[in-house]
Amino acid sequence: MKLNTIPWANIEEWKEANNSIYKIIDLHKKRLNEIFELSLKIKSSYESIFPMMDSLCYETCLHCPDPCCISAKIWFDYKDLLFLNLSACENYKPENFGLALTLSQPISNLNNMCRYLNPQKGCTLSRIFRPFICTWYLCPAQKSNLRKKDKFITERFFSSLEFIRSARKQLEEEMISISGV
């Protein structure tokens, strides 16, 4: 299936999507302890791979003649929104919800370049707030550099990525099951 439009591309749709997630979280918060814990595990796994991602980007992106971020057509998906909203729920306090509302889709249509790209400094979003595709996608140069690194480190890196991928899917499935959405 190929998308012709970006989900929640305008700010009203973006706010509505995030407000809906917030309302579901708030309505079911007493039943979401396992989901909150899973989002914290995802966050921890993300943070464990950021040094490697930073290293790979430093080694490749600064010198790349055709940076992926310029041509990539990326956006936040439902799992990204769930993670952003749930991981912002420090101690599950309502005043900490809504983190994703401060963002917007990286592109509003398929002709745009990512709004978070700064040509001199790269992505203006901290890694934890980027769409997951920005974390798991490795260009050929990054894959080549990764193969040159210690085998244990690369195995741990890919293991963390796989955990994040499967845990995000589990997060979505459990949230849908609990909320009935």
C-alpha atoms as a PDB file:
ATOM      1  CA  MET A   1       0.000   0.000   0.000  1.00  0.00           C
ATOM      2  CA  LYS A   2       1.367   3.388  -0.983  1.00  0.00           C
ATOM      3  CA  LEU A   3       0.234   6.547   0.734  1.00  0.00           C
ATOM      4  CA  ASN A   4      -0.590   9.552  -1.405  1.00  0.00           C
ATOM      5  CA  THR A   5      -1.122  11.820   1.571  1.00  0.00           C
ATOM      6  CA  ILE A   6       0.649  12.325   4.847  1.00  0.00           C
ATOM      7  CA  PRO A   7      -1.441  11.401   7.905  1.00  0.00           C
ATOM      8  CA  TRP A   8      -2.205  14.325  10.236  1.00  0.00           C
ATOM      9  CA  ALA A   9      -0.401  16.711   7.877  1.00  0.00           C
ATOM     10  CA  ASN A  10      -2.081  19.904   8.955  1.00  0.00           C
ATOM     11  CA  ILE A  11      -1.789  21.256  12.466  1.00  0.00           C
ATOM     12  CA  GLU A  12      -5.479  20.755  13.293  1.00  0.00           C
ATOM     13  CA  GLU A  13      -5.333  17.057  12.371  1.00  0.00           C
ATOM     14  CA  TRP A  14      -2.032  16.727  14.250  1.00  0.00           C
ATOM     15  CA  LYS A  15      -3.507  18.214  17.416  1.00  0.00           C
ATOM     16  CA  GLU A  16      -6.643  16.107  17.078  1.00  0.00           C
ATOM     17  CA  ALA A  17      -4.645  12.878  16.687  1.00  0.00           C
ATOM     18  CA  ASN A  18      -2.509  13.642  19.730  1.00  0.00           C
ATOM     19  CA  ASN A  19      -5.453  14.862  21.799  1.00  0.00           C
ATOM     20  CA  SER A  20      -7.267  11.619  20.980  1.00  0.00           C
ATOM     21  CA  ILE A  21      -4.304   9.594  22.194  1.00  0.00           C
ATOM     22  CA  TYR A  22      -4.090  11.734  25.329  1.00  0.00           C
ATOM     23  CA  LYS A  23      -7.792  11.201  26.036  1.00  0.00           C
ATOM     24  CA  ILE A  24      -7.444   7.438  25.601  1.00  0.00           C
ATOM     25  CA  ILE A  25      -4.436   7.429  27.933  1.00  0.00           C
ATOM     26  CA  ASP A  26      -6.226   9.574  30.482  1.00  0.00           C
ATOM     27  CA  LEU A  27      -9.424   7.502  30.298  1.00  0.00           C
ATOM     28  CA  HIS A  28      -7.601   4.168  30.709  1.00  0.00           C
ATOM     29  CA  LYS A  29      -4.548   5.228  32.760  1.00  0.00           C
ATOM     30  CA  LYS A  30      -5.354   2.836  35.603  1.00  0.00           C
ATOM     31  CA  ARG A  31      -5.129  -0.069  33.147  1.00  0.00           C
ATOM     32  CA  LEU A  32      -1.992   1.137  31.359  1.00  0.00           C
ATOM     33  CA  ASN A  33       0.789   0.309  33.827  1.00  0.00           C
ATOM     34  CA  GLU A  34       2.257  -2.380  31.553  1.00  0.00           C
ATOM     35  CA  ILE A  35       2.041  -0.067  28.547  1.00  0.00           C
ATOM     36  CA  PHE A  36       3.753   2.750  30.449  1.00  0.00           C
ATOM     37  CA  GLU A  37       6.478   0.325  31.518  1.00  0.00           C
ATOM     38  CA  LEU A  38       6.915  -0.876  27.943  1.00  0.00           C
ATOM     39  CA  SER A  39       7.262   2.717  26.718  1.00  0.00           C
ATOM     40  CA  LEU A  40       9.989   3.287  29.323  1.00  0.00           C
ATOM     41  CA  LYS A  41      11.815   0.155  28.116  1.00  0.00           C
ATOM     42  CA  ILE A  42      11.563   1.424  24.545  1.00  0.00           C
ATOM     43  CA  LYS A  43      12.926   4.786  25.639  1.00  0.00           C
ATOM     44  CA  SER A  44      15.838   3.098  27.418  1.00  0.00           C
ATOM     45  CA  SER A  45      16.611   0.991  24.338  1.00  0.00           C
ATOM     46  CA  TYR A  46      16.511   4.085  22.146  1.00  0.00           C
ATOM     47  CA  GLU A  47      18.921   5.855  24.450  1.00  0.00           C
ATOM     48  CA  SER A  48      21.284   2.857  24.385  1.00  0.00           C
ATOM     49  CA  ILE A  49      21.735   3.120  20.597  1.00  0.00           C
ATOM     50  CA  PHE A  50      21.995   6.897  20.307  1.00  0.00           C
ATOM     51  CA  PRO A  51      25.782   7.005  20.785  1.00  0.00           C
ATOM     52  CA  MET A  52      26.204   4.574  17.877  1.00  0.00           C
ATOM     53  CA  MET A  53      23.753   6.547  15.730  1.00  0.00           C
ATOM     54  CA  ASP A  54      25.576   9.777  16.548  1.00  0.00           C
ATOM     55  CA  SER A  55      28.885   8.167  15.628  1.00  0.00           C
ATOM     56  CA  LEU A  56      27.558   6.784  12.343  1.00  0.00           C
ATOM     57  CA  CYS A  57      26.025  10.123  11.404  1.00  0.00           C
ATOM     58  CA  TYR A  58      29.179  12.000  12.303  1.00  0.00           C
ATOM     59  CA  GLU A  59      31.234   9.619  10.145  1.00  0.00           C
ATOM     60  CA  THR A  60      28.927   9.779   7.122  1.00  0.00           C
ATOM     61  CA  CYS A  61      26.292  12.515   7.030  1.00  0.00           C
ATOM     62  CA  LEU A  62      28.618  15.511   7.239  1.00  0.00           C
ATOM     63  CA  HIS A  63      30.366  14.434   4.039  1.00  0.00           C
ATOM     64  CA  CYS A  64      27.422  12.947   2.167  1.00  0.00           C
ATOM     65  CA  PRO A  65      26.768  14.420  -1.275  1.00  0.00           C
ATOM     66  CA  ASP A  66      23.083  13.375  -1.123  1.00  0.00           C
ATOM     67  CA  PRO A  67      21.840  13.311   2.497  1.00  0.00           C
ATOM     68  CA  CYS A  68      18.844  11.032   3.097  1.00  0.00           C
ATOM     69  CA  CYS A  69      17.094  13.708   5.133  1.00  0.00           C
ATOM     70  CA  ILE A  70      16.789  15.917   2.060  1.00  0.00           C
ATOM     71  CA  SER A  71      15.063  13.370  -0.150  1.00  0.00           C
ATOM     72  CA  ALA A  72      13.387  11.110   2.416  1.00  0.00           C
ATOM     73  CA  LYS A  73       9.614  11.234   2.722  1.00  0.00           C
ATOM     74  CA  ILE A  74       9.087  10.476   6.377  1.00  0.00           C
ATOM     75  CA  TRP A  75       6.382  11.125   8.943  1.00  0.00           C
ATOM     76  CA  PHE A  76       5.312  10.080  12.399  1.00  0.00           C
ATOM     77  CA  ASP A  77       3.103   6.981  12.369  1.00  0.00           C
ATOM     78  CA  TYR A  78       0.603   5.906  15.026  1.00  0.00           C
ATOM     79  CA  LYS A  79       3.247   3.949  16.951  1.00  0.00           C
ATOM     80  CA  ASP A  80       5.459   7.062  17.015  1.00  0.00           C
ATOM     81  CA  LEU A  81       2.598   9.137  18.418  1.00  0.00           C
ATOM     82  CA  LEU A  82       1.816   6.509  21.031  1.00  0.00           C
ATOM     83  CA  PHE A  83       5.443   6.351  22.104  1.00  0.00           C
ATOM     84  CA  LEU A  84       5.839  10.144  22.207  1.00  0.00           C
ATOM     85  CA  ASN A  85       2.700  10.590  24.269  1.00  0.00           C
ATOM     86  CA  LEU A  86       3.329   7.659  26.607  1.00  0.00           C
ATOM     87  CA  SER A  87       7.017   8.365  27.186  1.00  0.00           C
ATOM     88  CA  ALA A  88       6.160  11.958  28.059  1.00  0.00           C
ATOM     89  CA  CYS A  89       4.026  10.687  30.916  1.00  0.00           C
ATOM     90  CA  GLU A  90       6.677  10.886  33.605  1.00  0.00           C
ATOM     91  CA  ASN A  91       5.075   9.393  36.679  1.00  0.00           C
ATOM     92  CA  TYR A  92       1.876   9.226  34.632  1.00  0.00           C
ATOM     93  CA  LYS A  93       0.902  12.788  35.558  1.00  0.00           C
ATOM     94  CA  PRO A  94      -1.537  14.461  33.162  1.00  0.00           C
ATOM     95  CA  GLU A  95       0.520  17.676  33.106  1.00  0.00           C
ATOM     96  CA  ASN A  96       3.293  15.719  31.368  1.00  0.00           C
ATOM     97  CA  PHE A  97       1.079  14.441  28.558  1.00  0.00           C
ATOM     98  CA  GLY A  98       0.877  16.062  25.167  1.00  0.00           C
ATOM     99  CA  LEU A  99       4.579  16.230  24.304  1.00  0.00           C
ATOM    100  CA  ALA A 100       3.841  15.310  20.704  1.00  0.00           C
ATOM    101  CA  LEU A 101       1.623  18.368  20.380  1.00  0.00           C
ATOM    102  CA  THR A 102       4.730  20.537  20.376  1.00  0.00           C
ATOM    103  CA  LEU A 103       5.820  18.848  17.152  1.00  0.00           C
ATOM    104  CA  SER A 104       4.214  18.421  13.748  1.00  0.00           C
ATOM    105  CA  GLN A 105       4.670  16.054  10.856  1.00  0.00           C
ATOM    106  CA  PRO A 106       8.142  16.430   9.315  1.00  0.00           C
ATOM    107  CA  ILE A 107       6.508  16.992   5.921  1.00  0.00           C
ATOM    108  CA  SER A 108       3.036  18.232   5.058  1.00  0.00           C
ATOM    109  CA  ASN A 109       3.031  16.726   1.566  1.00  0.00           C
ATOM    110  CA  LEU A 110       5.212  14.441  -0.518  1.00  0.00           C
ATOM    111  CA  ASN A 111       6.854  17.405  -2.278  1.00  0.00           C
ATOM    112  CA  ASN A 112       8.305  18.862   0.924  1.00  0.00           C
ATOM    113  CA  MET A 113      11.647  18.352   2.593  1.00  0.00           C
ATOM    114  CA  CYS A 114      11.743  17.562   6.319  1.00  0.00           C
ATOM    115  CA  ARG A 115      10.980  20.733   8.276  1.00  0.00           C
ATOM    116  CA  TYR A 116      13.314  19.620  11.063  1.00  0.00           C
ATOM    117  CA  LEU A 117      16.406  19.496   8.854  1.00  0.00           C
ATOM    118  CA  ASN A 118      18.935  22.262   9.358  1.00  0.00           C
ATOM    119  CA  PRO A 119      21.401  22.090   6.433  1.00  0.00           C
ATOM    120  CA  GLN A 120      24.347  23.118   8.637  1.00  0.00           C
ATOM    121  CA  LYS A 121      23.503  21.163  11.787  1.00  0.00           C
ATOM    122  CA  GLY A 122      21.369  18.230  10.668  1.00  0.00           C
ATOM    123  CA  CYS A 123      18.163  17.280  12.451  1.00  0.00           C
ATOM    124  CA  THR A 124      16.888  19.832  14.943  1.00  0.00           C
ATOM    125  CA  LEU A 125      14.904  17.182  16.845  1.00  0.00           C
ATOM    126  CA  SER A 126      16.624  15.290  19.591  1.00  0.00           C
ATOM    127  CA  ARG A 127      16.847  11.613  18.659  1.00  0.00           C
ATOM    128  CA  ILE A 128      14.150  10.492  21.078  1.00  0.00           C
ATOM    129  CA  PHE A 129      11.591  12.746  19.338  1.00  0.00           C
ATOM    130  CA  ARG A 130      12.279  11.639  15.769  1.00  0.00           C
ATOM    131  CA  PRO A 131      10.102   9.233  13.798  1.00  0.00           C
ATOM    132  CA  PHE A 132      11.355   5.683  14.279  1.00  0.00           C
ATOM    133  CA  ILE A 133      12.338   5.409  10.626  1.00  0.00           C
ATOM    134  CA  CYS A 134      14.972   8.089  11.295  1.00  0.00           C
ATOM    135  CA  THR A 135      16.493   5.734  13.857  1.00  0.00           C
ATOM    136  CA  TRP A 136      16.350   2.370  12.130  1.00  0.00           C
ATOM    137  CA  TYR A 137      17.242   3.440   8.601  1.00  0.00           C
ATOM    138  CA  LEU A 138      20.940   3.115   7.851  1.00  0.00           C
ATOM    139  CA  CYS A 139      22.288   4.246   4.491  1.00  0.00           C
ATOM    140  CA  PRO A 140      24.835   2.064   2.662  1.00  0.00           C
ATOM    141  CA  ALA A 141      27.762   4.128   3.992  1.00  0.00           C
ATOM    142  CA  GLN A 142      26.522   3.758   7.579  1.00  0.00           C
ATOM    143  CA  LYS A 143      26.028   0.014   7.127  1.00  0.00           C
ATOM    144  CA  SER A 144      29.580  -0.244   5.809  1.00  0.00           C
ATOM    145  CA  ASN A 145      30.952   1.716   8.778  1.00  0.00           C
ATOM    146  CA  LEU A 146      28.914  -0.389  11.191  1.00  0.00           C
ATOM    147  CA  ARG A 147      30.370  -3.614   9.767  1.00  0.00           C
ATOM    148  CA  LYS A 148      33.836  -2.300  10.667  1.00  0.00           C
ATOM    149  CA  LYS A 149      32.931  -1.930  14.335  1.00  0.00           C
ATOM    150  CA  ASP A 150      33.250  -4.524  17.087  1.00  0.00           C
ATOM    151  CA  LYS A 151      30.926  -7.482  16.461  1.00  0.00           C
ATOM    152  CA  PHE A 152      29.548  -7.426  20.009  1.00  0.00           C
ATOM    153  CA  ILE A 153      28.661  -3.742  19.700  1.00  0.00           C
ATOM    154  CA  THR A 154      26.939  -4.202  16.344  1.00  0.00           C
ATOM    155  CA  GLU A 155      25.003  -7.241  17.554  1.00  0.00           C
ATOM    156  CA  ARG A 156      23.824  -5.306  20.603  1.00  0.00           C
ATOM    157  CA  PHE A 157      22.890  -2.359  18.360  1.00  0.00           C
ATOM    158  CA  PHE A 158      20.780  -4.527  16.030  1.00  0.00           C
ATOM    159  CA  SER A 159      19.278  -6.397  18.962  1.00  0.00           C
ATOM    160  CA  SER A 160      18.168  -3.093  20.484  1.00  0.00           C
ATOM    161  CA  LEU A 161      16.671  -1.988  17.170  1.00  0.00           C
ATOM    162  CA  GLU A 162      14.746  -5.247  16.891  1.00  0.00           C
ATOM    163  CA  PHE A 163      13.497  -4.919  20.469  1.00  0.00           C
ATOM    164  CA  ILE A 164      12.299  -1.365  19.747  1.00  0.00           C
ATOM    165  CA  ARG A 165      10.571  -2.496  16.555  1.00  0.00           C
ATOM    166  CA  SER A 166       8.732  -5.389  18.231  1.00  0.00           C
ATOM    167  CA  ALA A 167       7.958  -3.414  21.416  1.00  0.00           C
ATOM    168  CA  ARG A 168       6.425  -0.573  19.375  1.00  0.00           C
ATOM    169  CA  LYS A 169       4.181  -3.117  17.656  1.00  0.00           C
ATOM    170  CA  GLN A 170       3.250  -4.580  21.043  1.00  0.00           C
ATOM    171  CA  LEU A 171       2.569  -1.070  22.373  1.00  0.00           C
ATOM    172  CA  GLU A 172       0.175  -0.432  19.502  1.00  0.00           C
ATOM    173  CA  GLU A 173      -1.582  -3.791  19.853  1.00  0.00           C
ATOM    174  CA  GLU A 174      -2.033  -3.465  23.619  1.00  0.00           C
ATOM    175  CA  MET A 175      -3.252   0.109  23.350  1.00  0.00           C
ATOM    176  CA  ILE A 176      -5.801  -0.886  20.720  1.00  0.00           C
ATOM    177  CA  SER A 177      -6.899  -3.835  22.849  1.00  0.00           C
ATOM    178  CA  ILE A 178      -7.352  -1.753  25.988  1.00  0.00           C
ATOM    179  CA  SER A 179      -8.973   1.237  24.330  1.00  0.00           C
ATOM    180  CA  GLY A 180     -11.081  -0.647  21.807  1.00  0.00           C
ATOM    181  CA  VAL A 181      -9.889   1.732  19.077  1.00  0.00           C
END
